[in-house]
Protein backbone atom coordinates (compact mmCIF):
# COMPACT_ATOMS: atom_id res chain seq x y z
CA MET A 1 63.84 51.76 -15.91
CA MET A 2 60.25 52.90 -15.71
CA PRO A 3 57.45 51.16 -17.64
CA CYS A 4 55.48 52.94 -20.36
CA PRO A 5 52.11 54.23 -19.08
CA VAL A 6 50.43 53.15 -22.36
CA CYS A 7 51.80 49.71 -23.24
CA ALA A 8 54.02 48.80 -20.24
CA GLY A 9 57.04 48.63 -22.57
CA ARG A 10 60.48 49.89 -21.60
CA MET A 11 61.10 53.65 -21.50
CA ALA A 12 64.54 54.90 -22.59
CA PHE A 13 66.20 58.28 -22.07
CA GLN A 14 65.97 60.38 -25.24
CA ALA A 15 66.96 64.00 -24.54
CA ARG A 16 67.48 66.73 -21.97
CA ARG A 17 66.20 70.25 -22.69
CA PRO A 18 66.85 73.36 -20.58
CA ILE A 19 63.69 75.31 -19.71
CA THR A 20 65.18 78.10 -17.57
CA THR A 21 68.50 78.56 -15.82
CA GLU A 22 67.06 76.52 -12.93
CA LEU A 23 64.81 73.92 -14.63
CA GLU A 24 65.23 71.29 -17.34
CA ASP A 25 63.09 68.66 -19.02
CA SER A 26 64.27 65.07 -19.35
CA VAL A 27 62.48 63.28 -22.18
CA TYR A 28 61.97 59.50 -22.15
CA ALA A 29 60.48 57.52 -25.05
CA CYS A 30 58.93 54.05 -25.16
CA ARG A 31 60.86 51.60 -27.33
CA SER A 32 57.65 49.75 -28.26
CA CYS A 33 54.98 52.37 -29.00
CA GLY A 34 56.91 55.67 -29.11
CA THR A 35 55.05 57.38 -26.25
CA GLU A 36 57.06 60.25 -24.76
CA LEU A 37 57.22 61.08 -21.06
CA ILE A 38 58.60 64.47 -19.99
CA ARG A 39 59.97 64.96 -16.49
CA THR A 40 60.81 68.47 -15.26
CA THR A 41 63.59 68.70 -12.67
CA VAL A 42 65.91 71.25 -11.08
CA ARG A 43 69.09 71.66 -13.15
CA ARG A 44 72.37 70.51 -11.69
CA ASP A 45 75.28 72.19 -13.46
CA GLY A 46 77.98 70.47 -11.50
CA GLN A 47 77.52 72.79 -8.55
CA THR A 48 76.16 71.59 -5.25
CA PRO A 49 73.01 73.56 -4.44
CA LYS A 50 73.00 75.43 -1.15
CA ILE A 51 70.43 73.81 1.09
CA LYS A 52 69.30 75.46 4.27
CA SER A 53 68.08 73.06 6.89
CA ALA A 54 66.98 73.30 10.49
CA GLU A 55 70.14 71.43 11.52
CA ALA A 56 72.41 74.07 9.97
CA ALA A 57 70.74 76.90 11.86
């Protein structure tokens, strides 16, 4: 797992919150000092996103 940016302790997954239909926040918290880190990512609802690439064209 990733280290805490404050105390270098271990970060643990805490929650996942939807922001929009396409984005969500994953919240991680430090087990030692309680610092929270929020990571915004594209939601994956079990469907494979359609990716257009140069190879497909």
